[in-house]
Amino acid sequence: MNTQTITQPWLPEPTLAMLWKAWLLSAMVIVWLANGTSIDLYLADQHFDFAQQAFSQKHAFFYETIMHEYAKHLLTLLWLTLLLISSVPERWVGKRLTASMRYKLRWILFLALLNALLVSGLKQQMPHACPWDVVRYGGELQWAPTFSSHAGIEEGHCFPAGHTTSGVWLSALCLLWLPHAPRKALLVALSGLAVGLMLGWAQQVRGAHFLSHTLTSLWLMCSWLLLVLTYTKSRIE
């Protein structure tokens, strides 16, 4: 039986234009928060015990083991499961996994991998220090606002936030609901970003990242997702 494959945009052009404007505005807000306010230091101060000269929750079981190690392993297992599902021969699953779903799953998996690799690559190049490495918090490196010159700092490699990428890729699952259910897709995308923010927050409590590091990682994921939504087509059987 022959099936016809139709291609159409993921979203209408006016919706995409609105999302790109929100993306640009969010970039401006993140830069302003990092460089125009003291919120990075303020939040880090809340989790640092100046009397003990240590981040009191750095090795807390909930933050270090559950939110960092267990969460990373669980989300990696989920990614591998989706990879396995998307790779199963069509004759094994029949109509339970349509060509459209398989196509979307592959985009989701690609975006997750792309974001993780690019963030990891950026971290290796960036001199930004983690809070626990900054002199203010008992470390040896100097602090500077995230989006400013870091002259004299040779090591840091803490920007953007890496652990956030373990969960923020879930936002790409919104593709499974496009273009037929855009409201559900938006809810899924926001939920994925919330997971990434939650994982990033757990690392901030431990002293591993500043808020701007986490927000930048979320923004980068939105960038790759918007590029897919803008320059590729959905595929429906």
C-alpha atoms as a PDB file:
ATOM      1  CA  MET A   1       0.000   0.000   0.000  1.00  0.00           C
ATOM      2  CA  ASN A   2       1.480   3.313  -1.063  1.00  0.00           C
ATOM      3  CA  THR A   3       1.525   6.178   1.379  1.00  0.00           C
ATOM      4  CA  GLN A   4       1.916   9.801   0.448  1.00  0.00           C
ATOM      5  CA  THR A   5       4.258  11.919   2.512  1.00  0.00           C
ATOM      6  CA  ILE A   6       3.326  15.558   2.869  1.00  0.00           C
ATOM      7  CA  THR A   7       5.651  18.205   4.219  1.00  0.00           C
ATOM      8  CA  GLN A   8       4.472  21.349   5.929  1.00  0.00           C
ATOM      9  CA  PRO A   9       5.917  23.921   8.317  1.00  0.00           C
ATOM     10  CA  TRP A  10       6.129  23.054  11.976  1.00  0.00           C
ATOM     11  CA  LEU A  11       4.498  26.380  12.853  1.00  0.00           C
ATOM     12  CA  PRO A  12       2.872  29.289  10.993  1.00  0.00           C
ATOM     13  CA  GLU A  13       5.221  32.137  10.063  1.00  0.00           C
ATOM     14  CA  PRO A  14       3.598  34.682  12.459  1.00  0.00           C
ATOM     15  CA  THR A  15       4.129  32.265  15.362  1.00  0.00           C
ATOM     16  CA  LEU A  16       7.752  31.695  14.389  1.00  0.00           C
ATOM     17  CA  ALA A  17       8.324  35.442  14.123  1.00  0.00           C
ATOM     18  CA  MET A  18       6.910  35.902  17.625  1.00  0.00           C
ATOM     19  CA  LEU A  19       9.153  33.128  18.997  1.00  0.00           C
ATOM     20  CA  TRP A  20      12.253  34.683  17.420  1.00  0.00           C
ATOM     21  CA  LYS A  21      11.370  38.036  19.000  1.00  0.00           C
ATOM     22  CA  ALA A  22      10.987  36.324  22.378  1.00  0.00           C
ATOM     23  CA  TRP A  23      14.343  34.592  21.799  1.00  0.00           C
ATOM     24  CA  LEU A  24      16.058  37.925  21.094  1.00  0.00           C
ATOM     25  CA  LEU A  25      14.399  39.603  24.076  1.00  0.00           C
ATOM     26  CA  SER A  26      15.435  36.736  26.362  1.00  0.00           C
ATOM     27  CA  ALA A  27      19.053  37.141  25.217  1.00  0.00           C
ATOM     28  CA  MET A  28      18.941  40.812  26.184  1.00  0.00           C
ATOM     29  CA  VAL A  29      17.412  39.966  29.570  1.00  0.00           C
ATOM     30  CA  ILE A  30      20.061  37.320  30.313  1.00  0.00           C
ATOM     31  CA  VAL A  31      22.904  39.717  29.450  1.00  0.00           C
ATOM     32  CA  TRP A  32      21.299  42.440  31.567  1.00  0.00           C
ATOM     33  CA  LEU A  33      20.837  40.115  34.545  1.00  0.00           C
ATOM     34  CA  ALA A  34      24.451  38.915  34.318  1.00  0.00           C
ATOM     35  CA  ASN A  35      26.143  42.259  33.705  1.00  0.00           C
ATOM     36  CA  GLY A  36      23.637  44.879  34.841  1.00  0.00           C
ATOM     37  CA  THR A  37      22.679  43.343  38.174  1.00  0.00           C
ATOM     38  CA  SER A  38      24.402  41.448  40.978  1.00  0.00           C
ATOM     39  CA  ILE A  39      21.955  38.535  40.884  1.00  0.00           C
ATOM     40  CA  ASP A  40      24.668  35.953  40.124  1.00  0.00           C
ATOM     41  CA  LEU A  41      26.607  36.880  43.250  1.00  0.00           C
ATOM     42  CA  TYR A  42      23.479  37.478  45.318  1.00  0.00           C
ATOM     43  CA  LEU A  43      22.137  33.969  44.671  1.00  0.00           C
ATOM     44  CA  ALA A  44      25.543  32.363  45.213  1.00  0.00           C
ATOM     45  CA  ASP A  45      25.839  34.259  48.510  1.00  0.00           C
ATOM     46  CA  GLN A  46      22.556  32.711  49.693  1.00  0.00           C
ATOM     47  CA  HIS A  47      24.025  29.221  49.410  1.00  0.00           C
ATOM     48  CA  PHE A  48      27.479  29.995  50.754  1.00  0.00           C
ATOM     49  CA  ASP A  49      28.260  29.711  54.440  1.00  0.00           C
ATOM     50  CA  PHE A  50      30.701  32.561  54.979  1.00  0.00           C
ATOM     51  CA  ALA A  51      31.412  31.413  58.530  1.00  0.00           C
ATOM     52  CA  GLN A  52      32.453  27.945  57.366  1.00  0.00           C
ATOM     53  CA  GLN A  53      33.831  29.236  54.037  1.00  0.00           C
ATOM     54  CA  ALA A  54      32.003  26.525  52.105  1.00  0.00           C
ATOM     55  CA  PHE A  55      28.865  25.822  50.104  1.00  0.00           C
ATOM     56  CA  SER A  56      26.965  23.872  52.732  1.00  0.00           C
ATOM     57  CA  GLN A  57      24.975  21.813  50.184  1.00  0.00           C
ATOM     58  CA  LYS A  58      27.915  20.950  47.923  1.00  0.00           C
ATOM     59  CA  HIS A  59      27.910  17.286  48.936  1.00  0.00           C
ATOM     60  CA  ALA A  60      24.301  17.021  50.122  1.00  0.00           C
ATOM     61  CA  PHE A  61      22.796  13.688  49.055  1.00  0.00           C
ATOM     62  CA  PHE A  62      19.762  15.278  47.396  1.00  0.00           C
ATOM     63  CA  TYR A  63      21.723  17.766  45.287  1.00  0.00           C
ATOM     64  CA  GLU A  64      24.903  15.820  44.564  1.00  0.00           C
ATOM     65  CA  THR A  65      23.557  12.281  44.240  1.00  0.00           C
ATOM     66  CA  ILE A  66      19.895  12.559  43.262  1.00  0.00           C
ATOM     67  CA  MET A  67      19.758  15.815  41.289  1.00  0.00           C
ATOM     68  CA  HIS A  68      23.202  15.453  39.744  1.00  0.00           C
ATOM     69  CA  GLU A  69      24.219  11.814  39.365  1.00  0.00           C
ATOM     70  CA  TYR A  70      20.870   9.972  39.360  1.00  0.00           C
ATOM     71  CA  ALA A  71      19.118  12.585  37.235  1.00  0.00           C
ATOM     72  CA  LYS A  72      21.912  12.550  34.656  1.00  0.00           C
ATOM     73  CA  HIS A  73      21.894   8.755  34.426  1.00  0.00           C
ATOM     74  CA  LEU A  74      18.093   8.597  34.202  1.00  0.00           C
ATOM     75  CA  LEU A  75      17.888  11.190  31.437  1.00  0.00           C
ATOM     76  CA  THR A  76      20.743   9.552  29.545  1.00  0.00           C
ATOM     77  CA  LEU A  77      18.869   6.256  29.767  1.00  0.00           C
ATOM     78  CA  LEU A  78      15.757   7.977  28.405  1.00  0.00           C
ATOM     79  CA  TRP A  79      17.763   9.348  25.458  1.00  0.00           C
ATOM     80  CA  LEU A  80      19.191   5.894  24.728  1.00  0.00           C
ATOM     81  CA  THR A  81      15.717   4.372  24.943  1.00  0.00           C
ATOM     82  CA  LEU A  82      14.395   6.859  22.382  1.00  0.00           C
ATOM     83  CA  LEU A  83      17.408   6.110  20.198  1.00  0.00           C
ATOM     84  CA  LEU A  84      16.607   2.408  20.351  1.00  0.00           C
ATOM     85  CA  ILE A  85      12.937   3.031  19.564  1.00  0.00           C
ATOM     86  CA  SER A  86      13.767   5.234  16.588  1.00  0.00           C
ATOM     87  CA  SER A  87      16.178   2.586  15.256  1.00  0.00           C
ATOM     88  CA  VAL A  88      13.863  -0.423  15.479  1.00  0.00           C
ATOM     89  CA  PRO A  89      13.183  -1.842  11.995  1.00  0.00           C
ATOM     90  CA  GLU A  90       9.810  -0.732  10.676  1.00  0.00           C
ATOM     91  CA  ARG A  91       8.657  -4.313  10.142  1.00  0.00           C
ATOM     92  CA  TRP A  92       8.964  -4.953  13.900  1.00  0.00           C
ATOM     93  CA  VAL A  93       6.671  -2.149  14.991  1.00  0.00           C
ATOM     94  CA  GLY A  94       4.282  -1.868  12.061  1.00  0.00           C
ATOM     95  CA  LYS A  95       1.904   1.067  12.455  1.00  0.00           C
ATOM     96  CA  ARG A  96       2.734   1.620  16.124  1.00  0.00           C
ATOM     97  CA  LEU A  97       5.626   3.874  15.129  1.00  0.00           C
ATOM     98  CA  THR A  98       4.801   5.906  12.051  1.00  0.00           C
ATOM     99  CA  ALA A  99       7.370   7.382   9.692  1.00  0.00           C
ATOM    100  CA  SER A 100       6.367  10.815  10.983  1.00  0.00           C
ATOM    101  CA  MET A 101       7.086   9.869  14.601  1.00  0.00           C
ATOM    102  CA  ARG A 102      10.379   8.257  13.666  1.00  0.00           C
ATOM    103  CA  TYR A 103      11.389  11.401  11.784  1.00  0.00           C
ATOM    104  CA  LYS A 104      10.542  13.605  14.760  1.00  0.00           C
ATOM    105  CA  LEU A 105      12.309  11.334  17.228  1.00  0.00           C
ATOM    106  CA  ARG A 106      15.488  11.588  15.187  1.00  0.00           C
ATOM    107  CA  TRP A 107      15.320  15.375  15.293  1.00  0.00           C
ATOM    108  CA  ILE A 108      14.825  15.244  19.067  1.00  0.00           C
ATOM    109  CA  LEU A 109      17.794  12.933  19.543  1.00  0.00           C
ATOM    110  CA  PHE A 110      19.955  15.054  17.257  1.00  0.00           C
ATOM    111  CA  LEU A 111      19.086  18.280  19.079  1.00  0.00           C
ATOM    112  CA  ALA A 112      19.863  16.701  22.454  1.00  0.00           C
ATOM    113  CA  LEU A 113      23.254  15.498  21.243  1.00  0.00           C
ATOM    114  CA  LEU A 114      24.036  18.751  19.431  1.00  0.00           C
ATOM    115  CA  ASN A 115      23.264  20.872  22.473  1.00  0.00           C
ATOM    116  CA  ALA A 116      25.322  18.676  24.812  1.00  0.00           C
ATOM    117  CA  LEU A 117      28.338  18.644  22.465  1.00  0.00           C
ATOM    118  CA  LEU A 118      28.283  22.377  21.760  1.00  0.00           C
ATOM    119  CA  VAL A 119      27.880  23.331  25.410  1.00  0.00           C
ATOM    120  CA  SER A 120      30.717  20.971  26.326  1.00  0.00           C
ATOM    121  CA  GLY A 121      32.885  22.493  23.592  1.00  0.00           C
ATOM    122  CA  LEU A 122      32.112  26.028  24.746  1.00  0.00           C
ATOM    123  CA  LYS A 123      32.966  25.124  28.343  1.00  0.00           C
ATOM    124  CA  GLN A 124      36.425  24.005  27.257  1.00  0.00           C
ATOM    125  CA  GLN A 125      37.051  27.364  25.598  1.00  0.00           C
ATOM    126  CA  MET A 126      35.527  29.732  28.141  1.00  0.00           C
ATOM    127  CA  PRO A 127      37.545  31.112  31.091  1.00  0.00           C
ATOM    128  CA  HIS A 128      34.525  31.691  33.360  1.00  0.00           C
ATOM    129  CA  ALA A 129      34.975  30.319  36.862  1.00  0.00           C
ATOM    130  CA  CYS A 130      32.506  28.289  38.885  1.00  0.00           C
ATOM    131  CA  PRO A 131      31.385  29.948  42.138  1.00  0.00           C
ATOM    132  CA  TRP A 132      33.349  27.463  44.281  1.00  0.00           C
ATOM    133  CA  ASP A 133      36.527  28.433  42.351  1.00  0.00           C
ATOM    134  CA  VAL A 134      36.076  32.175  42.897  1.00  0.00           C
ATOM    135  CA  VAL A 135      38.089  34.002  45.587  1.00  0.00           C
ATOM    136  CA  ARG A 136      34.866  35.344  47.136  1.00  0.00           C
ATOM    137  CA  TYR A 137      33.868  31.755  47.893  1.00  0.00           C
ATOM    138  CA  GLY A 138      37.194  30.364  48.998  1.00  0.00           C
ATOM    139  CA  GLY A 139      38.647  29.625  45.561  1.00  0.00           C
ATOM    140  CA  GLU A 140      41.644  31.039  43.728  1.00  0.00           C
ATOM    141  CA  LEU A 141      40.147  32.572  40.561  1.00  0.00           C
ATOM    142  CA  GLN A 142      38.893  36.094  40.027  1.00  0.00           C
ATOM    143  CA  TRP A 143      35.249  36.752  39.204  1.00  0.00           C
ATOM    144  CA  ALA A 144      33.987  38.948  36.402  1.00  0.00           C
ATOM    145  CA  PRO A 145      30.455  39.448  35.050  1.00  0.00           C
ATOM    146  CA  THR A 146      29.609  36.651  32.624  1.00  0.00           C
ATOM    147  CA  PHE A 147      29.398  38.735  29.451  1.00  0.00           C
ATOM    148  CA  SER A 148      32.503  40.823  29.979  1.00  0.00           C
ATOM    149  CA  SER A 149      36.250  40.552  29.565  1.00  0.00           C
ATOM    150  CA  HIS A 150      37.894  37.861  31.667  1.00  0.00           C
ATOM    151  CA  ALA A 151      41.436  39.108  31.285  1.00  0.00           C
ATOM    152  CA  GLY A 152      43.949  37.259  33.427  1.00  0.00           C
ATOM    153  CA  ILE A 153      41.717  34.244  33.964  1.00  0.00           C
ATOM    154  CA  GLU A 154      43.173  31.252  32.185  1.00  0.00           C
ATOM    155  CA  GLU A 155      41.171  28.463  33.769  1.00  0.00           C
ATOM    156  CA  GLY A 156      37.558  28.178  34.719  1.00  0.00           C
ATOM    157  CA  HIS A 157      35.728  26.242  32.022  1.00  0.00           C
ATOM    158  CA  CYS A 158      32.408  26.588  33.844  1.00  0.00           C
ATOM    159  CA  PHE A 159      30.263  28.366  31.251  1.00  0.00           C
ATOM    160  CA  PRO A 160      27.674  27.567  29.988  1.00  0.00           C
ATOM    161  CA  ALA A 161      26.127  25.171  32.524  1.00  0.00           C
ATOM    162  CA  GLY A 162      26.718  21.574  31.470  1.00  0.00           C
ATOM    163  CA  HIS A 163      24.380  19.654  33.773  1.00  0.00           C
ATOM    164  CA  THR A 164      21.424  21.677  32.497  1.00  0.00           C
ATOM    165  CA  THR A 165      21.856  20.017  29.102  1.00  0.00           C
ATOM    166  CA  SER A 166      21.049  16.649  30.702  1.00  0.00           C
ATOM    167  CA  GLY A 167      17.404  17.682  30.934  1.00  0.00           C
ATOM    168  CA  VAL A 168      16.750  20.748  28.802  1.00  0.00           C
ATOM    169  CA  TRP A 169      16.704  18.631  25.632  1.00  0.00           C
ATOM    170  CA  LEU A 170      13.304  17.354  26.791  1.00  0.00           C
ATOM    171  CA  SER A 171      11.934  20.628  25.414  1.00  0.00           C
ATOM    172  CA  ALA A 172      12.544  19.208  21.927  1.00  0.00           C
ATOM    173  CA  LEU A 173       9.860  16.586  22.601  1.00  0.00           C
ATOM    174  CA  CYS A 174       7.451  19.345  21.608  1.00  0.00           C
ATOM    175  CA  LEU A 175       8.131  18.280  18.004  1.00  0.00           C
ATOM    176  CA  LEU A 176       5.972  15.198  18.597  1.00  0.00           C
ATOM    177  CA  TRP A 177       2.941  17.492  18.937  1.00  0.00           C
ATOM    178  CA  LEU A 178       3.674  19.697  15.931  1.00  0.00           C
ATOM    179  CA  PRO A 179       2.099  20.914  13.790  1.00  0.00           C
ATOM    180  CA  HIS A 180      -1.233  19.372  14.857  1.00  0.00           C
ATOM    181  CA  ALA A 181      -1.306  20.443  18.550  1.00  0.00           C
ATOM    182  CA  PRO A 182       0.732  23.656  19.042  1.00  0.00           C
ATOM    183  CA  ARG A 183      -0.637  24.406  22.523  1.00  0.00           C
ATOM    184  CA  LYS A 184       0.377  20.989  23.832  1.00  0.00           C
ATOM    185  CA  ALA A 185       3.732  21.417  22.095  1.00  0.00           C
ATOM    186  CA  LEU A 186       4.267  24.733  23.902  1.00  0.00           C
ATOM    187  CA  LEU A 187       3.445  23.116  27.258  1.00  0.00           C
ATOM    188  CA  VAL A 188       5.909  20.291  26.561  1.00  0.00           C
ATOM    189  CA  ALA A 189       8.616  22.750  25.501  1.00  0.00           C
ATOM    190  CA  LEU A 190       8.149  24.846  28.647  1.00  0.00           C
ATOM    191  CA  SER A 191       8.174  21.702  30.803  1.00  0.00           C
ATOM    192  CA  GLY A 192      11.484  20.638  29.241  1.00  0.00           C
ATOM    193  CA  LEU A 193      12.978  24.058  29.898  1.00  0.00           C
ATOM    194  CA  ALA A 194      11.708  23.821  33.492  1.00  0.00           C
ATOM    195  CA  VAL A 195      13.514  20.494  33.960  1.00  0.00           C
ATOM    196  CA  GLY A 196      16.727  22.072  32.661  1.00  0.00           C
ATOM    197  CA  LEU A 197      16.262  25.054  34.974  1.00  0.00           C
ATOM    198  CA  MET A 198      15.643  22.747  37.943  1.00  0.00           C
ATOM    199  CA  LEU A 199      18.825  20.771  37.252  1.00  0.00           C
ATOM    200  CA  GLY A 200      20.752  24.004  36.831  1.00  0.00           C
ATOM    201  CA  TRP A 201      19.333  25.333  40.087  1.00  0.00           C
ATOM    202  CA  ALA A 202      20.489  22.218  41.925  1.00  0.00           C
ATOM    203  CA  GLN A 203      24.017  22.906  40.708  1.00  0.00           C
ATOM    204  CA  GLN A 204      23.765  26.539  41.751  1.00  0.00           C
ATOM    205  CA  VAL A 205      22.843  25.452  45.270  1.00  0.00           C
ATOM    206  CA  ARG A 206      26.016  23.323  45.309  1.00  0.00           C
ATOM    207  CA  GLY A 207      28.148  26.254  44.130  1.00  0.00           C
ATOM    208  CA  ALA A 208      28.839  24.735  40.710  1.00  0.00           C
ATOM    209  CA  HIS A 209      27.258  27.479  38.578  1.00  0.00           C
ATOM    210  CA  PHE A 210      25.927  31.002  38.511  1.00  0.00           C
ATOM    211  CA  LEU A 211      22.374  31.724  37.352  1.00  0.00           C
ATOM    212  CA  SER A 212      23.606  33.265  34.083  1.00  0.00           C
ATOM    213  CA  HIS A 213      25.393  30.002  33.236  1.00  0.00           C
ATOM    214  CA  THR A 214      22.132  28.065  33.537  1.00  0.00           C
ATOM    215  CA  LEU A 215      20.035  30.609  31.655  1.00  0.00           C
ATOM    216  CA  THR A 216      22.533  30.668  28.799  1.00  0.00           C
ATOM    217  CA  SER A 217      22.318  26.890  28.432  1.00  0.00           C
ATOM    218  CA  LEU A 218      18.528  27.116  28.275  1.00  0.00           C
ATOM    219  CA  TRP A 219      18.771  29.887  25.684  1.00  0.00           C
ATOM    220  CA  LEU A 220      21.163  27.861  23.529  1.00  0.00           C
ATOM    221  CA  MET A 221      18.745  24.912  23.464  1.00  0.00           C
ATOM    222  CA  CYS A 222      15.981  27.265  22.374  1.00  0.00           C
ATOM    223  CA  SER A 223      18.274  28.490  19.602  1.00  0.00           C
ATOM    224  CA  TRP A 224      18.795  25.045  18.057  1.00  0.00           C
ATOM    225  CA  LEU A 225      15.112  24.202  18.403  1.00  0.00           C
ATOM    226  CA  LEU A 226      14.054  27.436  16.721  1.00  0.00           C
ATOM    227  CA  LEU A 227      16.464  26.793  13.856  1.00  0.00           C
ATOM    228  CA  VAL A 228      14.838  23.407  13.249  1.00  0.00           C
ATOM    229  CA  LEU A 229      11.340  24.882  13.455  1.00  0.00           C
ATOM    230  CA  THR A 230      12.271  27.645  11.020  1.00  0.00           C
ATOM    231  CA  TYR A 231      14.421  25.927   8.415  1.00  0.00           C
ATOM    232  CA  THR A 232      13.060  22.361   8.240  1.00  0.00           C
ATOM    233  CA  LYS A 233       9.636  20.905   7.568  1.00  0.00           C
ATOM    234  CA  SER A 234       7.518  18.529   9.588  1.00  0.00           C
ATOM    235  CA  ARG A 235       6.727  15.237   7.931  1.00  0.00           C
ATOM    236  CA  ILE A 236       3.340  13.583   8.186  1.00  0.00           C
ATOM    237  CA  GLU A 237       2.116  10.353   6.671  1.00  0.00           C
END
